[in-house]
């Protein structure tokens, strides 16, 4: 089984400064749904945006809330 291990209290500030080896998880703080976040799906206008700006635009595909939070870490096997 694979699980996501979050780096506590870490925020790279800008999307483009996130190292390639760091995995990003998008979490809905309203319903708790979590999905892997792909930077490739970001519009070109957000490639150099602050993380907080990207989070404001996230919309949950399960409940529809705009309450997204990006978590940074890696996937580890149990």
Protein backbone atom coordinates (compact mmCIF):
# COMPACT_ATOMS: atom_id res chain seq x y z
CA UNK A 1 0.00 0.00 0.00
CA UNK A 2 1.19 3.51 -0.82
CA UNK A 3 0.44 6.52 1.37
CA UNK A 4 1.20 10.23 1.19
CA UNK A 5 3.71 11.53 3.72
CA UNK A 6 3.39 15.30 4.11
CA UNK A 7 6.36 17.53 4.85
CA UNK A 8 5.08 19.42 7.93
CA UNK A 9 4.97 23.22 7.86
CA UNK A 10 6.60 23.54 4.43
CA UNK A 11 5.43 25.95 1.77
CA UNK A 12 7.66 26.73 -1.24
CA UNK A 13 5.88 30.06 -1.75
CA UNK A 14 5.63 29.89 -5.55
CA UNK A 15 4.52 27.00 -7.74
CA UNK A 16 7.62 27.13 -9.95
CA UNK A 17 10.00 26.74 -6.96
CA UNK A 18 8.57 23.35 -5.94
CA UNK A 19 11.31 20.74 -6.53
CA UNK A 20 10.55 18.03 -9.10
CA UNK A 21 10.91 15.23 -6.53
CA UNK A 22 8.16 16.68 -4.29
CA UNK A 23 4.67 15.26 -4.74
CA UNK A 24 1.69 17.61 -4.37
CA UNK A 25 -1.66 16.57 -2.94
CA UNK A 26 -4.76 18.74 -3.29
CA UNK A 27 -7.09 18.42 -0.31
CA UNK A 28 -10.62 19.78 0.03
CA UNK A 29 -10.94 21.19 3.52
CA UNK A 30 -14.75 21.06 3.21
CA UNK A 31 -15.27 17.35 2.47
CA UNK A 32 -11.79 15.87 3.00
CA UNK A 33 -11.33 14.50 -0.52
CA UNK A 34 -7.65 14.22 -1.50
CA UNK A 35 -6.19 13.87 -4.99
CA UNK A 36 -2.75 14.05 -6.49
CA UNK A 37 -2.15 17.49 -8.01
CA UNK A 38 -0.39 17.78 -11.36
CA UNK A 39 1.40 21.03 -12.17
CA UNK A 40 1.06 20.12 -15.86
CA UNK A 41 -2.67 20.87 -15.65
CA UNK A 42 -2.14 24.46 -14.48
CA UNK A 43 -2.87 27.20 -17.00
CA UNK A 44 0.27 28.97 -18.26
CA UNK A 45 -0.75 32.13 -16.39
CA UNK A 46 -0.35 30.28 -13.06
CA UNK A 47 3.04 28.63 -13.66
CA UNK A 48 4.78 31.39 -11.67
CA UNK A 49 1.96 32.11 -9.22
CA UNK A 50 2.06 31.95 -5.45
CA UNK A 51 0.72 28.77 -3.86
CA UNK A 52 -2.02 30.78 -2.12
CA UNK A 53 -3.21 32.12 -5.50
CA UNK A 54 -3.46 28.59 -6.90
CA UNK A 55 -5.31 27.38 -3.78
CA UNK A 56 -7.92 30.15 -4.18
CA UNK A 57 -8.77 28.77 -7.63
CA UNK A 58 -9.06 25.09 -6.67
CA UNK A 59 -12.57 23.65 -6.83
CA UNK A 60 -13.41 20.24 -5.41
CA UNK A 61 -14.70 17.80 -8.02
CA UNK A 62 -16.65 15.91 -5.32
CA UNK A 63 -18.52 18.60 -3.37
CA UNK A 64 -17.92 21.71 -5.52
CA UNK A 65 -16.45 23.79 -2.67
CA UNK A 66 -13.64 26.24 -3.29
CA UNK A 67 -11.78 25.18 -0.15
CA UNK A 68 -8.61 23.62 -1.55
CA UNK A 69 -5.28 23.27 0.24
CA UNK A 70 -2.07 22.05 -1.39
CA UNK A 71 0.02 19.61 0.65
CA UNK A 72 3.65 18.86 -0.20
CA UNK A 73 5.48 15.61 0.46
CA UNK A 74 6.13 12.20 -1.05
CA UNK A 75 4.50 8.84 -1.54
CA UNK A 76 5.90 6.00 0.57
CA UNK A 77 5.18 2.28 0.65
CA UNK A 78 3.97 0.74 3.91
